Amino acid sequence: MLLLNKEKGTILAEQLRVADTFFRRLRGLLGTKTLPAGQGLVIRPCNSVHTLGMHYAIDVLFVDNKDCILKIVADLRPGKWAACRGSAYVIELPAGTAAHTFTQAGDALVYAKEPG
């Protein structure tokens, strides 16, 4: 599944995993060595995340139920925590993705199936 920034016309992720059960949300990215470029994790429902036990930084997008970005926490380092009131879900992306794609709070997101 592709994740696109509708406002900018940029691709944020080419491969998204979804964590939508208690245990998948609990695990998140824990135990991974890196989050490769083009990949991401959608955590639903979610309004706060932490990077305790992680070994790399991530970009965190807090998104409302209309797929609009409420807040971006760029380069969230290991051992940190972030939250956003009103967030329906979170998207975790490799650090630098938001800046590289010019993504900002207020931008709308679109999910699309990969061609083929």
N, C-alpha and C. Protein backbone atom coordinates (compact mmCIF):
# COMPACT_ATOMS: atom_id res chain seq x y z
N MET A 1 0.85 -1.18 0.00
CA MET A 1 0.00 0.00 0.00
C MET A 1 0.89 1.24 0.00
N LEU A 2 0.57 2.19 -0.85
CA LEU A 2 1.29 3.45 -0.93
C LEU A 2 0.65 4.49 -0.03
N LEU A 3 1.47 5.34 0.55
CA LEU A 3 0.99 6.48 1.32
C LEU A 3 1.45 7.74 0.61
N LEU A 4 0.48 8.57 0.21
CA LEU A 4 0.76 9.78 -0.55
C LEU A 4 0.35 11.02 0.22
N ASN A 5 1.13 12.08 0.06
CA ASN A 5 0.74 13.39 0.56
C ASN A 5 -0.07 14.04 -0.56
N LYS A 6 -1.37 14.18 -0.33
CA LYS A 6 -2.27 14.70 -1.36
C LYS A 6 -1.93 16.14 -1.72
N GLU A 7 -1.53 16.94 -0.74
CA GLU A 7 -1.24 18.36 -0.97
C GLU A 7 0.03 18.57 -1.80
N LYS A 8 1.05 17.76 -1.51
CA LYS A 8 2.35 17.95 -2.15
C LYS A 8 2.58 17.02 -3.34
N GLY A 9 1.77 15.97 -3.45
CA GLY A 9 1.95 15.00 -4.53
C GLY A 9 3.18 14.14 -4.35
N THR A 10 3.60 13.92 -3.11
CA THR A 10 4.80 13.14 -2.82
C THR A 10 4.42 11.80 -2.20
N ILE A 11 5.30 10.83 -2.37
CA ILE A 11 5.12 9.51 -1.77
C ILE A 11 5.85 9.48 -0.44
N LEU A 12 5.11 9.19 0.63
CA LEU A 12 5.71 9.08 1.96
C LEU A 12 6.20 7.66 2.24
N ALA A 13 5.46 6.67 1.74
CA ALA A 13 5.85 5.28 1.96
C ALA A 13 5.31 4.42 0.82
N GLU A 14 6.10 3.43 0.45
CA GLU A 14 5.69 2.49 -0.58
C GLU A 14 5.22 1.18 0.02
N GLN A 15 5.62 0.92 1.25
CA GLN A 15 5.20 -0.29 1.96
C GLN A 15 4.81 0.09 3.37
N LEU A 16 3.55 -0.13 3.69
CA LEU A 16 3.05 0.16 5.03
C LEU A 16 2.58 -1.11 5.71
N ARG A 17 3.00 -1.28 6.95
CA ARG A 17 2.43 -2.33 7.80
C ARG A 17 1.40 -1.66 8.68
N VAL A 18 0.40 -2.42 9.09
CA VAL A 18 -0.64 -1.88 9.96
C VAL A 18 -0.62 -2.64 11.28
N ALA A 19 -0.56 -1.89 12.37
CA ALA A 19 -0.65 -2.45 13.72
C ALA A 19 -2.01 -2.04 14.28
N ASP A 20 -2.98 -2.95 14.19
CA ASP A 20 -4.34 -2.61 14.59
C ASP A 20 -4.92 -3.56 15.64
N THR A 21 -4.05 -4.38 16.23
CA THR A 21 -4.47 -5.22 17.36
C THR A 21 -3.65 -4.80 18.57
N PHE A 22 -4.07 -5.18 19.74
CA PHE A 22 -3.36 -4.81 20.96
C PHE A 22 -1.89 -5.21 20.89
N PHE A 23 -1.62 -6.46 20.53
CA PHE A 23 -0.24 -6.93 20.54
C PHE A 23 0.61 -6.31 19.43
N ARG A 24 0.02 -6.07 18.27
CA ARG A 24 0.77 -5.41 17.20
C ARG A 24 1.08 -3.96 17.57
N ARG A 25 0.12 -3.28 18.19
CA ARG A 25 0.38 -1.90 18.63
C ARG A 25 1.43 -1.88 19.73
N LEU A 26 1.36 -2.83 20.64
CA LEU A 26 2.31 -2.91 21.74
C LEU A 26 3.73 -3.11 21.21
N ARG A 27 3.88 -3.98 20.23
CA ARG A 27 5.21 -4.25 19.68
C ARG A 27 5.70 -3.11 18.80
N GLY A 28 4.85 -2.59 17.94
CA GLY A 28 5.26 -1.49 17.06
C GLY A 28 6.52 -1.83 16.30
N LEU A 29 7.52 -0.98 16.41
CA LEU A 29 8.80 -1.19 15.74
C LEU A 29 9.86 -1.78 16.66
N LEU A 30 9.47 -2.13 17.89
CA LEU A 30 10.44 -2.70 18.83
C LEU A 30 11.04 -3.97 18.24
N GLY A 31 12.32 -4.13 18.42
CA GLY A 31 13.01 -5.30 17.92
C GLY A 31 13.53 -5.16 16.50
N THR A 32 13.21 -4.04 15.86
CA THR A 32 13.74 -3.82 14.51
C THR A 32 15.04 -3.04 14.60
N LYS A 33 15.94 -3.29 13.67
CA LYS A 33 17.23 -2.61 13.68
C LYS A 33 17.18 -1.28 12.96
N THR A 34 16.25 -1.17 12.01
CA THR A 34 16.10 0.06 11.25
C THR A 34 14.73 0.06 10.58
N LEU A 35 14.32 1.20 10.12
CA LEU A 35 13.11 1.32 9.31
C LEU A 35 13.59 1.80 7.94
N PRO A 36 13.66 0.90 6.97
CA PRO A 36 14.21 1.27 5.66
C PRO A 36 13.40 2.36 4.96
N ALA A 37 14.07 3.12 4.12
CA ALA A 37 13.41 4.15 3.32
C ALA A 37 12.26 3.52 2.55
N GLY A 38 11.14 4.23 2.49
CA GLY A 38 9.99 3.74 1.75
C GLY A 38 9.04 2.87 2.56
N GLN A 39 9.42 2.56 3.80
CA GLN A 39 8.56 1.73 4.64
C GLN A 39 7.98 2.56 5.77
N GLY A 40 6.91 2.04 6.38
CA GLY A 40 6.29 2.73 7.50
C GLY A 40 5.36 1.82 8.26
N LEU A 41 4.91 2.30 9.40
CA LEU A 41 4.00 1.56 10.26
C LEU A 41 2.84 2.47 10.63
N VAL A 42 1.62 1.99 10.40
CA VAL A 42 0.40 2.68 10.81
C VAL A 42 -0.06 2.02 12.10
N ILE A 43 -0.25 2.82 13.16
CA ILE A 43 -0.72 2.30 14.44
C ILE A 43 -2.11 2.89 14.68
N ARG A 44 -3.10 1.99 14.74
CA ARG A 44 -4.50 2.42 14.81
C ARG A 44 -5.25 1.59 15.84
N PRO A 45 -5.98 2.19 16.77
CA PRO A 45 -6.01 3.61 17.12
C PRO A 45 -4.77 3.97 17.93
N CYS A 46 -4.41 5.26 17.93
CA CYS A 46 -3.22 5.68 18.66
C CYS A 46 -3.16 7.21 18.74
N ASN A 47 -2.81 7.72 19.92
CA ASN A 47 -2.60 9.16 20.05
C ASN A 47 -1.30 9.48 20.79
N SER A 48 -0.51 8.43 21.09
CA SER A 48 0.81 8.66 21.70
C SER A 48 1.73 7.48 21.35
N VAL A 49 3.01 7.78 21.26
CA VAL A 49 4.01 6.75 20.96
C VAL A 49 5.25 6.99 21.80
N HIS A 50 6.06 5.95 21.91
CA HIS A 50 7.36 6.09 22.58
C HIS A 50 8.40 5.35 21.75
N THR A 51 9.64 5.69 21.99
CA THR A 51 10.74 5.02 21.32
C THR A 51 11.66 4.33 22.33
N LEU A 52 11.10 3.96 23.47
CA LEU A 52 11.86 3.23 24.48
C LEU A 52 12.27 1.88 23.91
N GLY A 53 13.52 1.54 24.03
CA GLY A 53 14.01 0.27 23.53
C GLY A 53 14.36 0.27 22.05
N MET A 54 14.15 1.38 21.39
CA MET A 54 14.51 1.46 19.97
C MET A 54 15.94 1.98 19.83
N HIS A 55 16.52 1.74 18.66
CA HIS A 55 17.92 2.12 18.44
C HIS A 55 18.09 3.15 17.32
N TYR A 56 16.98 3.71 16.85
CA TYR A 56 17.05 4.69 15.76
C TYR A 56 15.90 5.67 15.89
N ALA A 57 16.06 6.82 15.27
CA ALA A 57 15.03 7.87 15.30
C ALA A 57 13.99 7.62 14.20
N ILE A 58 12.80 8.18 14.40
CA ILE A 58 11.72 8.06 13.42
C ILE A 58 10.99 9.40 13.30
N ASP A 59 10.28 9.57 12.20
CA ASP A 59 9.32 10.67 12.06
C ASP A 59 7.96 10.12 12.45
N VAL A 60 7.21 10.89 13.22
CA VAL A 60 5.89 10.46 13.68
C VAL A 60 4.85 11.44 13.18
N LEU A 61 3.85 10.93 12.47
CA LEU A 61 2.74 11.74 11.99
C LEU A 61 1.49 11.37 12.78
N PHE A 62 0.90 12.34 13.46
CA PHE A 62 -0.36 12.14 14.16
C PHE A 62 -1.47 12.58 13.22
N VAL A 63 -2.43 11.69 12.98
CA VAL A 63 -3.42 11.89 11.93
C VAL A 63 -4.83 11.77 12.50
N ASP A 64 -5.75 12.61 12.01
CA ASP A 64 -7.14 12.54 12.48
C ASP A 64 -7.94 11.51 11.67
N ASN A 65 -9.22 11.37 11.99
CA ASN A 65 -10.04 10.35 11.33
C ASN A 65 -10.44 10.73 9.90
N LYS A 66 -10.02 11.90 9.44
CA LYS A 66 -10.24 12.31 8.04
C LYS A 66 -8.94 12.27 7.24
N ASP A 67 -7.93 11.60 7.80
CA ASP A 67 -6.62 11.44 7.17
C ASP A 67 -5.88 12.75 6.95
N CYS A 68 -6.07 13.68 7.88
CA CYS A 68 -5.38 14.97 7.85
C CYS A 68 -4.32 14.97 8.97
N ILE A 69 -3.12 15.40 8.65
CA ILE A 69 -2.04 15.42 9.64
C ILE A 69 -2.29 16.53 10.66
N LEU A 70 -2.35 16.15 11.93
CA LEU A 70 -2.53 17.11 13.01
C LEU A 70 -1.20 17.66 13.51
N LYS A 71 -0.20 16.77 13.57
CA LYS A 71 1.09 17.14 14.18
C LYS A 71 2.16 16.21 13.63
N ILE A 72 3.35 16.75 13.46
CA ILE A 72 4.51 15.94 13.06
C ILE A 72 5.59 16.11 14.12
N VAL A 73 6.11 14.99 14.58
CA VAL A 73 7.28 15.01 15.44
C VAL A 73 8.41 14.40 14.61
N ALA A 74 9.26 15.25 14.10
CA ALA A 74 10.35 14.81 13.24
C ALA A 74 11.54 14.36 14.08
N ASP A 75 12.18 13.29 13.62
CA ASP A 75 13.43 12.83 14.23
C ASP A 75 13.26 12.52 15.72
N LEU A 76 12.21 11.79 16.07
CA LEU A 76 11.99 11.38 17.46
C LEU A 76 13.05 10.35 17.82
N ARG A 77 13.94 10.72 18.72
CA ARG A 77 15.09 9.91 19.09
C ARG A 77 14.70 8.77 20.03
N PRO A 78 15.55 7.74 20.12
CA PRO A 78 15.29 6.65 21.06
C PRO A 78 15.14 7.16 22.49
N GLY A 79 14.25 6.51 23.22
CA GLY A 79 14.02 6.87 24.62
C GLY A 79 13.09 8.04 24.83
N LYS A 80 12.41 8.49 23.80
CA LYS A 80 11.52 9.66 23.90
C LYS A 80 10.05 9.25 23.77
N TRP A 81 9.17 10.25 23.99
CA TRP A 81 7.72 10.04 23.96
C TRP A 81 7.08 11.23 23.28
N ALA A 82 5.99 10.98 22.56
CA ALA A 82 5.25 12.07 21.90
C ALA A 82 3.77 11.73 21.88
N ALA A 83 2.93 12.78 21.93
CA ALA A 83 1.48 12.58 21.94
C ALA A 83 0.79 13.73 21.22
N CYS A 84 -0.46 13.48 20.84
CA CYS A 84 -1.26 14.51 20.19
C CYS A 84 -2.73 14.25 20.49
N ARG A 85 -3.33 15.16 21.22
CA ARG A 85 -4.75 15.05 21.52
C ARG A 85 -5.55 15.12 20.21
N GLY A 86 -6.54 14.26 20.09
CA GLY A 86 -7.39 14.24 18.91
C GLY A 86 -6.90 13.36 17.78
N SER A 87 -5.73 12.77 17.95
CA SER A 87 -5.19 11.89 16.91
C SER A 87 -5.96 10.57 16.89
N ALA A 88 -6.36 10.14 15.70
CA ALA A 88 -7.04 8.85 15.54
C ALA A 88 -6.02 7.73 15.35
N TYR A 89 -4.93 8.07 14.67
CA TYR A 89 -3.89 7.07 14.45
C TYR A 89 -2.56 7.77 14.19
N VAL A 90 -1.51 6.94 14.16
CA VAL A 90 -0.14 7.44 14.00
C VAL A 90 0.51 6.70 12.83
N ILE A 91 1.36 7.41 12.13
CA ILE A 91 2.19 6.79 11.10
C ILE A 91 3.65 7.03 11.48
N GLU A 92 4.40 5.95 11.59
CA GLU A 92 5.83 6.04 11.89
C GLU A 92 6.61 5.80 10.60
N LEU A 93 7.51 6.72 10.30
CA LEU A 93 8.29 6.70 9.06
C LEU A 93 9.77 6.88 9.38
N PRO A 94 10.65 6.52 8.46
CA PRO A 94 12.08 6.77 8.68
C PRO A 94 12.35 8.25 8.95
N ALA A 95 13.26 8.52 9.86
CA ALA A 95 13.61 9.91 10.18
C ALA A 95 14.03 10.64 8.91
N GLY A 96 13.51 11.85 8.75
CA GLY A 96 13.83 12.67 7.59
C GLY A 96 12.79 12.61 6.49
N THR A 97 11.87 11.66 6.57
CA THR A 97 10.86 11.51 5.51
C THR A 97 9.97 12.74 5.40
N ALA A 98 9.51 13.26 6.53
CA ALA A 98 8.61 14.43 6.50
C ALA A 98 9.30 15.62 5.83
N ALA A 99 10.53 15.90 6.21
CA ALA A 99 11.26 17.03 5.62
C ALA A 99 11.54 16.79 4.14
N HIS A 100 11.96 15.59 3.81
CA HIS A 100 12.32 15.27 2.42
C HIS A 100 11.12 15.39 1.47
N THR A 101 9.92 15.12 1.98
CA THR A 101 8.70 15.18 1.16
C THR A 101 7.92 16.47 1.37
N PHE A 102 8.48 17.40 2.14
CA PHE A 102 7.86 18.70 2.41
C PHE A 102 6.50 18.55 3.10
N THR A 103 6.34 17.49 3.88
CA THR A 103 5.08 17.21 4.56
C THR A 103 4.96 18.09 5.80
N GLN A 104 3.76 18.65 6.00
CA GLN A 104 3.49 19.56 7.12
C GLN A 104 2.16 19.21 7.78
N ALA A 105 1.99 19.69 9.01
CA ALA A 105 0.68 19.59 9.67
C ALA A 105 -0.34 20.30 8.80
N GLY A 106 -1.51 19.70 8.66
CA GLY A 106 -2.57 20.25 7.82
C GLY A 106 -2.67 19.56 6.47
N ASP A 107 -1.61 18.87 6.06
CA ASP A 107 -1.65 18.15 4.78
C ASP A 107 -2.58 16.95 4.89
N ALA A 108 -3.25 16.64 3.78
CA ALA A 108 -4.13 15.47 3.70
C ALA A 108 -3.34 14.29 3.12
N LEU A 109 -3.66 13.11 3.61
CA LEU A 109 -3.01 11.89 3.15
C LEU A 109 -3.97 11.05 2.33
N VAL A 110 -3.42 10.28 1.41
CA VAL A 110 -4.20 9.37 0.58
C VAL A 110 -3.49 8.02 0.56
N TYR A 111 -4.26 6.96 0.72
CA TYR A 111 -3.73 5.60 0.63
C TYR A 111 -4.11 5.03 -0.72
N ALA A 112 -3.17 4.37 -1.38
CA ALA A 112 -3.43 3.80 -2.70
C ALA A 112 -2.79 2.43 -2.80
N LYS A 113 -3.43 1.56 -3.52
CA LYS A 113 -2.84 0.25 -3.78
C LYS A 113 -1.73 0.40 -4.81
N GLU A 114 -0.73 -0.45 -4.69
CA GLU A 114 0.37 -0.41 -5.66
C GLU A 114 -0.14 -0.86 -7.02
N PRO A 115 0.35 -0.26 -8.08
CA PRO A 115 -0.10 -0.67 -9.42
C PRO A 115 0.26 -2.12 -9.70
N GLY A 116 -0.58 -2.76 -10.49
CA GLY A 116 -0.29 -4.14 -10.89
C GLY A 116 -1.07 -5.05 -10.10
